[in-house]
Amino acid sequence: MEKLQEQGFEISGDFAQRLQRAGISQAQARQLFTTAQTELPRLQELQARGGVEQPEQFTLEQFTEAAVFKVRRIGRNTKIRSRRS
């Protein structure tokens, strides 16, 4: 978390709790934030090139919510496949 704050990522207690409620483990959260450290600046740079102003650019929270959705979707698909086998 300290690394994220050093790079300008703010993680509130509420946000951390929402991740927990979503079923994201600490290891998954670490991986997610590691990915965000490299991918989010790239996404924001592409948005800036496209004329998207800073306040409207993709945020850490939006990045994380998209990743959580992906993790949940993959988990559901895996469970469905397991049931069919």
N, C-alpha and C. Protein backbone atom coordinates (compact mmCIF):
# COMPACT_ATOMS: atom_id res chain seq x y z
N MET A 1 0.81 -1.20 0.00
CA MET A 1 0.00 0.00 0.00
C MET A 1 0.85 1.26 0.00
N GLU A 2 1.95 1.23 0.76
CA GLU A 2 2.81 2.40 0.82
C GLU A 2 3.38 2.72 -0.55
N LYS A 3 3.76 1.68 -1.31
CA LYS A 3 4.28 1.87 -2.65
C LYS A 3 3.27 2.60 -3.53
N LEU A 4 2.02 2.19 -3.41
CA LEU A 4 0.97 2.81 -4.20
C LEU A 4 0.81 4.28 -3.84
N GLN A 5 0.85 4.57 -2.54
CA GLN A 5 0.71 5.96 -2.12
C GLN A 5 1.87 6.81 -2.60
N GLU A 6 3.09 6.23 -2.61
CA GLU A 6 4.25 6.95 -3.12
C GLU A 6 4.07 7.32 -4.59
N GLN A 7 3.39 6.47 -5.34
CA GLN A 7 3.18 6.71 -6.76
C GLN A 7 1.91 7.50 -7.03
N GLY A 8 1.26 8.00 -5.99
CA GLY A 8 0.08 8.82 -6.16
C GLY A 8 -1.23 8.06 -6.12
N PHE A 9 -1.21 6.76 -5.83
CA PHE A 9 -2.43 5.99 -5.70
C PHE A 9 -2.93 6.11 -4.27
N GLU A 10 -4.15 6.54 -4.11
CA GLU A 10 -4.77 6.63 -2.78
C GLU A 10 -5.73 5.47 -2.59
N ILE A 11 -5.55 4.73 -1.51
CA ILE A 11 -6.42 3.60 -1.20
C ILE A 11 -7.10 3.90 0.13
N SER A 12 -8.40 4.09 0.10
CA SER A 12 -9.12 4.38 1.33
C SER A 12 -9.49 3.07 2.02
N GLY A 13 -9.80 3.16 3.31
CA GLY A 13 -10.24 1.99 4.05
C GLY A 13 -11.52 1.42 3.46
N ASP A 14 -12.41 2.30 3.02
CA ASP A 14 -13.67 1.87 2.42
C ASP A 14 -13.41 1.08 1.14
N PHE A 15 -12.47 1.57 0.35
CA PHE A 15 -12.12 0.90 -0.90
C PHE A 15 -11.54 -0.49 -0.62
N ALA A 16 -10.66 -0.58 0.37
CA ALA A 16 -10.07 -1.87 0.76
C ALA A 16 -11.15 -2.83 1.24
N GLN A 17 -12.11 -2.32 2.00
CA GLN A 17 -13.21 -3.16 2.48
C GLN A 17 -14.08 -3.65 1.33
N ARG A 18 -14.30 -2.80 0.34
CA ARG A 18 -15.09 -3.21 -0.82
C ARG A 18 -14.40 -4.34 -1.58
N LEU A 19 -13.08 -4.27 -1.66
CA LEU A 19 -12.33 -5.35 -2.31
C LEU A 19 -12.50 -6.66 -1.54
N GLN A 20 -12.43 -6.55 -0.22
CA GLN A 20 -12.61 -7.75 0.62
C GLN A 20 -14.00 -8.33 0.42
N ARG A 21 -15.01 -7.48 0.43
CA ARG A 21 -16.40 -7.95 0.24
C ARG A 21 -16.59 -8.58 -1.13
N ALA A 22 -15.80 -8.12 -2.10
CA ALA A 22 -15.89 -8.67 -3.45
C ALA A 22 -15.19 -10.02 -3.55
N GLY A 23 -14.55 -10.43 -2.46
CA GLY A 23 -13.90 -11.73 -2.45
C GLY A 23 -12.46 -11.71 -2.96
N ILE A 24 -11.87 -10.53 -2.99
CA ILE A 24 -10.49 -10.40 -3.46
C ILE A 24 -9.55 -10.64 -2.28
N SER A 25 -8.67 -11.61 -2.42
CA SER A 25 -7.70 -11.91 -1.37
C SER A 25 -6.59 -10.87 -1.37
N GLN A 26 -5.79 -10.87 -0.29
CA GLN A 26 -4.66 -9.95 -0.23
C GLN A 26 -3.70 -10.19 -1.38
N ALA A 27 -3.45 -11.44 -1.70
CA ALA A 27 -2.54 -11.77 -2.80
C ALA A 27 -3.09 -11.26 -4.13
N GLN A 28 -4.40 -11.43 -4.33
CA GLN A 28 -5.01 -10.92 -5.56
C GLN A 28 -4.95 -9.40 -5.61
N ALA A 29 -5.18 -8.76 -4.47
CA ALA A 29 -5.13 -7.30 -4.42
C ALA A 29 -3.72 -6.80 -4.74
N ARG A 30 -2.71 -7.46 -4.17
CA ARG A 30 -1.32 -7.09 -4.48
C ARG A 30 -1.04 -7.20 -5.97
N GLN A 31 -1.47 -8.30 -6.56
CA GLN A 31 -1.26 -8.51 -8.00
C GLN A 31 -1.99 -7.46 -8.81
N LEU A 32 -3.21 -7.17 -8.40
CA LEU A 32 -4.02 -6.17 -9.08
C LEU A 32 -3.34 -4.80 -9.05
N PHE A 33 -2.84 -4.42 -7.88
CA PHE A 33 -2.20 -3.11 -7.76
C PHE A 33 -0.85 -3.07 -8.46
N THR A 34 -0.15 -4.20 -8.51
CA THR A 34 1.10 -4.27 -9.26
C THR A 34 0.81 -4.05 -10.74
N THR A 35 -0.24 -4.67 -11.22
CA THR A 35 -0.65 -4.47 -12.61
C THR A 35 -1.06 -3.02 -12.84
N ALA A 36 -1.79 -2.46 -11.90
CA ALA A 36 -2.24 -1.07 -12.02
C ALA A 36 -1.06 -0.11 -12.10
N GLN A 37 0.02 -0.40 -11.38
CA GLN A 37 1.19 0.48 -11.39
C GLN A 37 1.77 0.64 -12.79
N THR A 38 1.67 -0.39 -13.61
CA THR A 38 2.21 -0.29 -14.97
C THR A 38 1.14 0.06 -15.99
N GLU A 39 -0.03 -0.54 -15.85
CA GLU A 39 -1.07 -0.38 -16.87
C GLU A 39 -1.84 0.94 -16.77
N LEU A 40 -2.13 1.38 -15.57
CA LEU A 40 -2.94 2.58 -15.42
C LEU A 40 -2.27 3.82 -16.02
N PRO A 41 -0.98 4.06 -15.77
CA PRO A 41 -0.35 5.22 -16.42
C PRO A 41 -0.39 5.12 -17.96
N ARG A 42 -0.26 3.92 -18.49
CA ARG A 42 -0.35 3.74 -19.94
C ARG A 42 -1.74 4.08 -20.45
N LEU A 43 -2.76 3.59 -19.75
CA LEU A 43 -4.13 3.90 -20.14
C LEU A 43 -4.40 5.40 -20.08
N GLN A 44 -3.91 6.04 -19.03
CA GLN A 44 -4.12 7.48 -18.87
C GLN A 44 -3.37 8.26 -19.95
N GLU A 45 -2.19 7.79 -20.32
CA GLU A 45 -1.43 8.46 -21.38
C GLU A 45 -2.17 8.35 -22.72
N LEU A 46 -2.71 7.18 -23.00
CA LEU A 46 -3.48 7.01 -24.23
C LEU A 46 -4.73 7.89 -24.23
N GLN A 47 -5.37 7.97 -23.06
CA GLN A 47 -6.54 8.85 -22.96
C GLN A 47 -6.15 10.30 -23.20
N ALA A 48 -5.02 10.72 -22.62
CA ALA A 48 -4.56 12.10 -22.79
C ALA A 48 -4.27 12.38 -24.27
N ARG A 49 -3.65 11.43 -24.94
CA ARG A 49 -3.38 11.59 -26.38
C ARG A 49 -4.67 11.74 -27.16
N GLY A 50 -5.71 11.09 -26.68
CA GLY A 50 -7.02 11.16 -27.33
C GLY A 50 -7.82 12.38 -26.93
N GLY A 51 -7.24 13.23 -26.09
CA GLY A 51 -7.90 14.46 -25.70
C GLY A 51 -8.74 14.39 -24.44
N VAL A 52 -8.64 13.30 -23.71
CA VAL A 52 -9.40 13.16 -22.46
C VAL A 52 -8.64 13.91 -21.36
N GLU A 53 -9.31 14.83 -20.71
CA GLU A 53 -8.70 15.64 -19.65
C GLU A 53 -8.49 14.81 -18.39
N GLN A 54 -7.55 15.21 -17.56
CA GLN A 54 -7.17 14.51 -16.32
C GLN A 54 -8.36 14.09 -15.46
N PRO A 55 -9.29 15.00 -15.13
CA PRO A 55 -10.39 14.58 -14.22
C PRO A 55 -11.27 13.47 -14.81
N GLU A 56 -11.28 13.33 -16.12
CA GLU A 56 -12.13 12.35 -16.78
C GLU A 56 -11.39 11.04 -17.10
N GLN A 57 -10.10 10.99 -16.80
CA GLN A 57 -9.31 9.81 -17.13
C GLN A 57 -9.61 8.66 -16.17
N PHE A 58 -9.30 7.47 -16.63
CA PHE A 58 -9.48 6.24 -15.88
C PHE A 58 -8.77 6.33 -14.54
N THR A 59 -9.46 6.00 -13.45
CA THR A 59 -8.87 6.07 -12.11
C THR A 59 -8.47 4.69 -11.61
N LEU A 60 -7.72 4.67 -10.52
CA LEU A 60 -7.34 3.40 -9.90
C LEU A 60 -8.59 2.62 -9.50
N GLU A 61 -9.57 3.31 -8.97
CA GLU A 61 -10.80 2.64 -8.54
C GLU A 61 -11.52 2.00 -9.72
N GLN A 62 -11.61 2.72 -10.83
CA GLN A 62 -12.27 2.16 -12.01
C GLN A 62 -11.48 0.98 -12.57
N PHE A 63 -10.16 1.10 -12.59
CA PHE A 63 -9.29 0.02 -13.05
C PHE A 63 -9.52 -1.22 -12.19
N THR A 64 -9.56 -1.01 -10.88
CA THR A 64 -9.72 -2.12 -9.93
C THR A 64 -11.10 -2.76 -10.08
N GLU A 65 -12.13 -1.93 -10.20
CA GLU A 65 -13.49 -2.48 -10.36
C GLU A 65 -13.59 -3.32 -11.63
N ALA A 66 -12.95 -2.88 -12.69
CA ALA A 66 -12.95 -3.67 -13.93
C ALA A 66 -12.22 -4.99 -13.73
N ALA A 67 -11.11 -4.94 -13.01
CA ALA A 67 -10.34 -6.16 -12.75
C ALA A 67 -11.12 -7.12 -11.85
N VAL A 68 -11.81 -6.58 -10.85
CA VAL A 68 -12.63 -7.42 -9.95
C VAL A 68 -13.73 -8.09 -10.76
N PHE A 69 -14.36 -7.33 -11.64
CA PHE A 69 -15.40 -7.89 -12.49
C PHE A 69 -14.83 -9.04 -13.32
N LYS A 70 -13.64 -8.85 -13.86
CA LYS A 70 -12.98 -9.89 -14.67
C LYS A 70 -12.69 -11.13 -13.82
N VAL A 71 -12.16 -10.93 -12.61
CA VAL A 71 -11.86 -12.05 -11.72
C VAL A 71 -13.13 -12.83 -11.40
N ARG A 72 -14.20 -12.10 -11.08
CA ARG A 72 -15.48 -12.76 -10.76
C ARG A 72 -16.01 -13.53 -11.96
N ARG A 73 -15.92 -12.93 -13.13
CA ARG A 73 -16.43 -13.55 -14.34
C ARG A 73 -15.65 -14.83 -14.66
N ILE A 74 -14.34 -14.77 -14.54
CA ILE A 74 -13.50 -15.94 -14.78
C ILE A 74 -13.86 -17.03 -13.77
N GLY A 75 -14.05 -16.63 -12.51
CA GLY A 75 -14.42 -17.59 -11.47
C GLY A 75 -15.75 -18.26 -11.76
N ARG A 76 -16.73 -17.49 -12.20
CA ARG A 76 -18.05 -18.05 -12.54
C ARG A 76 -17.94 -19.00 -13.72
N ASN A 77 -17.19 -18.60 -14.74
CA ASN A 77 -17.04 -19.45 -15.92
C ASN A 77 -16.36 -20.76 -15.56
N THR A 78 -15.38 -20.70 -14.67
CA THR A 78 -14.69 -21.90 -14.23
C THR A 78 -15.64 -22.83 -13.49
N LYS A 79 -16.47 -22.27 -12.62
CA LYS A 79 -17.45 -23.08 -11.88
C LYS A 79 -18.45 -23.72 -12.81
N ILE A 80 -18.90 -22.97 -13.81
CA ILE A 80 -19.88 -23.49 -14.77
C ILE A 80 -19.27 -24.65 -15.54
N ARG A 81 -18.03 -24.48 -15.99
CA ARG A 81 -17.35 -25.56 -16.73
C ARG A 81 -17.17 -26.79 -15.86
N SER A 82 -16.86 -26.59 -14.58
CA SER A 82 -16.66 -27.71 -13.67
C SER A 82 -17.95 -28.51 -13.51
N ARG A 83 -19.07 -27.81 -13.44
CA ARG A 83 -20.36 -28.48 -13.27
C ARG A 83 -20.73 -29.30 -14.50
N ARG A 84 -20.34 -28.80 -15.68
CA ARG A 84 -20.68 -29.48 -16.92
C ARG A 84 -19.86 -30.75 -17.12
N SER A 85 -18.69 -30.79 -16.53
CA SER A 85 -17.78 -31.95 -16.72
C SER A 85 -18.23 -33.17 -15.97
